[in-house]
C-alpha atoms as a PDB file:
ATOM      1  CA  UNK A   1     -26.408 -13.941 -10.751  1.00  0.00           C
ATOM      2  CA  UNK A   2     -23.944 -11.835  -8.738  1.00  0.00           C
ATOM      3  CA  UNK A   3     -21.138 -10.102 -10.570  1.00  0.00           C
ATOM      4  CA  UNK A   4     -17.558 -10.214  -9.325  1.00  0.00           C
ATOM      5  CA  UNK A   5     -16.433  -7.439 -11.648  1.00  0.00           C
ATOM      6  CA  UNK A   6     -14.524  -4.631  -9.944  1.00  0.00           C
ATOM      7  CA  UNK A   7     -14.745  -1.301 -11.707  1.00  0.00           C
ATOM      8  CA  UNK A   8     -12.453   1.724 -11.461  1.00  0.00           C
ATOM      9  CA  UNK A   9     -15.200   3.674  -9.703  1.00  0.00           C
ATOM     10  CA  UNK A  10     -15.282   1.043  -6.952  1.00  0.00           C
ATOM     11  CA  UNK A  11     -11.606   1.630  -6.153  1.00  0.00           C
ATOM     12  CA  UNK A  12     -11.376   5.427  -5.963  1.00  0.00           C
ATOM     13  CA  UNK A  13     -11.187   7.261  -2.622  1.00  0.00           C
ATOM     14  CA  UNK A  14     -12.024   6.485   1.012  1.00  0.00           C
ATOM     15  CA  UNK A  15      -9.268   3.915   1.433  1.00  0.00           C
ATOM     16  CA  UNK A  16      -9.629   3.758   5.236  1.00  0.00           C
ATOM     17  CA  UNK A  17     -13.296   2.779   5.114  1.00  0.00           C
ATOM     18  CA  UNK A  18     -13.273   1.016   1.767  1.00  0.00           C
ATOM     19  CA  UNK A  19     -15.252  -2.213   1.781  1.00  0.00           C
ATOM     20  CA  UNK A  20     -12.545  -4.006  -0.243  1.00  0.00           C
ATOM     21  CA  UNK A  21      -9.705  -3.150   2.169  1.00  0.00           C
ATOM     22  CA  UNK A  22     -10.233  -6.201   4.414  1.00  0.00           C
ATOM     23  CA  UNK A  23     -10.352  -8.434   1.331  1.00  0.00           C
ATOM     24  CA  UNK A  24      -7.083  -6.978   0.036  1.00  0.00           C
ATOM     25  CA  UNK A  25      -5.526  -7.597   3.445  1.00  0.00           C
ATOM     26  CA  UNK A  26      -6.723 -11.227   3.433  1.00  0.00           C
ATOM     27  CA  UNK A  27      -5.360 -11.781  -0.079  1.00  0.00           C
ATOM     28  CA  UNK A  28      -2.040 -10.223   0.916  1.00  0.00           C
ATOM     29  CA  UNK A  29      -1.868 -12.480   3.989  1.00  0.00           C
ATOM     30  CA  UNK A  30      -2.616 -15.495   1.795  1.00  0.00           C
ATOM     31  CA  UNK A  31       0.365 -14.451  -0.338  1.00  0.00           C
ATOM     32  CA  UNK A  32       2.516 -14.430   2.845  1.00  0.00           C
ATOM     33  CA  UNK A  33       2.920 -10.642   2.747  1.00  0.00           C
ATOM     34  CA  UNK A  34       5.648  -9.270   4.952  1.00  0.00           C
ATOM     35  CA  UNK A  35       6.551  -5.829   6.145  1.00  0.00           C
ATOM     36  CA  UNK A  36       8.768  -4.333   3.475  1.00  0.00           C
ATOM     37  CA  UNK A  37      11.523  -3.363   5.898  1.00  0.00           C
ATOM     38  CA  UNK A  38      11.436  -5.755   8.843  1.00  0.00           C
ATOM     39  CA  UNK A  39      10.282  -8.918   7.077  1.00  0.00           C
ATOM     40  CA  UNK A  40       7.685  -9.502   9.791  1.00  0.00           C
ATOM     41  CA  UNK A  41       4.658 -11.402   8.500  1.00  0.00           C
ATOM     42  CA  UNK A  42       1.693  -9.047   8.336  1.00  0.00           C
ATOM     43  CA  UNK A  43      -0.936  -9.687  10.961  1.00  0.00           C
ATOM     44  CA  UNK A  44      -3.751  -7.660  12.431  1.00  0.00           C
ATOM     45  CA  UNK A  45      -2.565  -8.859  15.852  1.00  0.00           C
ATOM     46  CA  UNK A  46       0.949  -7.395  15.586  1.00  0.00           C
ATOM     47  CA  UNK A  47       1.708  -5.086  18.508  1.00  0.00           C
ATOM     48  CA  UNK A  48       4.283  -2.427  19.278  1.00  0.00           C
ATOM     49  CA  UNK A  49       5.719   0.260  16.973  1.00  0.00           C
ATOM     50  CA  UNK A  50       8.053  -2.255  15.352  1.00  0.00           C
ATOM     51  CA  UNK A  51       5.162  -4.345  14.090  1.00  0.00           C
ATOM     52  CA  UNK A  52       1.801  -2.564  14.432  1.00  0.00           C
ATOM     53  CA  UNK A  53       0.229  -2.186  10.992  1.00  0.00           C
ATOM     54  CA  UNK A  54      -0.552   1.079   9.274  1.00  0.00           C
ATOM     55  CA  UNK A  55      -1.945   1.922   5.886  1.00  0.00           C
ATOM     56  CA  UNK A  56       0.825   3.354   3.729  1.00  0.00           C
ATOM     57  CA  UNK A  57       0.429   5.463   0.595  1.00  0.00           C
ATOM     58  CA  UNK A  58       2.798   3.894  -1.937  1.00  0.00           C
ATOM     59  CA  UNK A  59       2.958   7.282  -3.635  1.00  0.00           C
ATOM     60  CA  UNK A  60       3.016   9.453  -0.487  1.00  0.00           C
ATOM     61  CA  UNK A  61       0.368  12.158  -0.197  1.00  0.00           C
ATOM     62  CA  UNK A  62       3.017  14.897  -0.013  1.00  0.00           C
ATOM     63  CA  UNK A  63       4.635  13.707  -3.257  1.00  0.00           C
ATOM     64  CA  UNK A  64       1.335  13.644  -5.145  1.00  0.00           C
ATOM     65  CA  UNK A  65       0.112  16.946  -3.703  1.00  0.00           C
ATOM     66  CA  UNK A  66       3.396  18.575  -4.724  1.00  0.00           C
ATOM     67  CA  UNK A  67       2.820  17.324  -8.266  1.00  0.00           C
ATOM     68  CA  UNK A  68      -0.490  19.202  -8.248  1.00  0.00           C
ATOM     69  CA  UNK A  69      -2.291  17.061 -10.823  1.00  0.00           C
ATOM     70  CA  UNK A  70      -3.966  14.593  -8.479  1.00  0.00           C
ATOM     71  CA  UNK A  71      -7.299  14.973  -6.704  1.00  0.00           C
ATOM     72  CA  UNK A  72      -7.619  13.885  -3.082  1.00  0.00           C
ATOM     73  CA  UNK A  73      -9.774  10.890  -4.062  1.00  0.00           C
ATOM     74  CA  UNK A  74      -7.053   9.737  -6.466  1.00  0.00           C
ATOM     75  CA  UNK A  75      -4.346  10.098  -3.821  1.00  0.00           C
ATOM     76  CA  UNK A  76      -6.435   8.037  -1.395  1.00  0.00           C
ATOM     77  CA  UNK A  77      -7.297   5.427  -4.016  1.00  0.00           C
ATOM     78  CA  UNK A  78      -7.196   1.939  -2.502  1.00  0.00           C
ATOM     79  CA  UNK A  79      -4.729   0.898  -5.219  1.00  0.00           C
ATOM     80  CA  UNK A  80      -2.215   3.348  -3.703  1.00  0.00           C
ATOM     81  CA  UNK A  81      -2.300   1.623  -0.307  1.00  0.00           C
ATOM     82  CA  UNK A  82      -0.012  -1.015   1.210  1.00  0.00           C
ATOM     83  CA  UNK A  83       0.166  -2.493   4.702  1.00  0.00           C
ATOM     84  CA  UNK A  84       3.359  -1.656   6.599  1.00  0.00           C
ATOM     85  CA  UNK A  85       4.578  -1.528  10.147  1.00  0.00           C
ATOM     86  CA  UNK A  86       4.343   1.846  11.806  1.00  0.00           C
ATOM     87  CA  UNK A  87       8.140   2.045  11.920  1.00  0.00           C
ATOM     88  CA  UNK A  88       8.504   1.318   8.190  1.00  0.00           C
ATOM     89  CA  UNK A  89       5.739   3.750   7.283  1.00  0.00           C
ATOM     90  CA  UNK A  90       7.398   6.527   9.300  1.00  0.00           C
ATOM     91  CA  UNK A  91      10.790   5.852   7.707  1.00  0.00           C
ATOM     92  CA  UNK A  92       9.406   6.447   4.201  1.00  0.00           C
ATOM     93  CA  UNK A  93       7.536   9.693   4.926  1.00  0.00           C
ATOM     94  CA  UNK A  94       7.764  11.856   1.783  1.00  0.00           C
ATOM     95  CA  UNK A  95      10.097   9.607  -0.225  1.00  0.00           C
ATOM     96  CA  UNK A  96       9.343   9.066  -3.886  1.00  0.00           C
ATOM     97  CA  UNK A  97       8.544   5.435  -4.747  1.00  0.00           C
ATOM     98  CA  UNK A  98      11.399   5.155  -7.231  1.00  0.00           C
ATOM     99  CA  UNK A  99      13.781   6.055  -4.384  1.00  0.00           C
ATOM    100  CA  UNK A 100      12.563   3.588  -1.766  1.00  0.00           C
ATOM    101  CA  UNK A 101      10.894   0.695  -3.629  1.00  0.00           C
ATOM    102  CA  UNK A 102      14.207  -0.181  -5.273  1.00  0.00           C
ATOM    103  CA  UNK A 103      15.530  -1.276  -1.852  1.00  0.00           C
ATOM    104  CA  UNK A 104      12.673  -3.686  -1.103  1.00  0.00           C
ATOM    105  CA  UNK A 105      12.769  -7.380  -1.928  1.00  0.00           C
ATOM    106  CA  UNK A 106      10.650  -8.050  -5.047  1.00  0.00           C
ATOM    107  CA  UNK A 107       8.652 -10.816  -3.317  1.00  0.00           C
ATOM    108  CA  UNK A 108       7.575  -8.382  -0.608  1.00  0.00           C
ATOM    109  CA  UNK A 109       6.314  -5.908  -3.218  1.00  0.00           C
ATOM    110  CA  UNK A 110       4.506  -8.542  -5.263  1.00  0.00           C
ATOM    111  CA  UNK A 111       2.773  -9.976  -2.187  1.00  0.00           C
ATOM    112  CA  UNK A 112       1.131  -6.563  -1.764  1.00  0.00           C
ATOM    113  CA  UNK A 113       0.273  -6.200  -5.442  1.00  0.00           C
ATOM    114  CA  UNK A 114       2.990  -3.636  -6.276  1.00  0.00           C
ATOM    115  CA  UNK A 115       4.277  -3.881  -9.826  1.00  0.00           C
ATOM    116  CA  UNK A 116       7.981  -4.550 -10.307  1.00  0.00           C
ATOM    117  CA  UNK A 117       7.943  -2.354 -13.413  1.00  0.00           C
ATOM    118  CA  UNK A 118      10.198   0.501 -12.281  1.00  0.00           C
ATOM    119  CA  UNK A 119       8.690   2.844 -14.879  1.00  0.00           C
ATOM    120  CA  UNK A 120       5.426   2.726 -12.917  1.00  0.00           C
ATOM    121  CA  UNK A 121       7.210   3.919  -9.778  1.00  0.00           C
ATOM    122  CA  UNK A 122       7.642   7.420 -11.262  1.00  0.00           C
END
């Protein structure tokens, strides 16, 4: 019998080529996920810089590298990834999550599996 258990080891590193990334995208779409800034419904067929999707580090790489306690595989963990438009992704850059997540509608965060617990944003 096949197991549907997902372990921590299955989630660490290689977010861009991770086998679960398409599944996470499908689940997010099923939850009517929208771009955090524009409100555009996420779609792999979105075109143009306003809408084209990118993979966004919720805790930006620069923020975690500056902290110095995270390994590259942890920074690129699939649980640190959200789908955003190119424009939204570029507007966040090196912002700390507690500074930018506060301005995003809670439904948009939840649809991409981001906790609303503000203590976890630090």
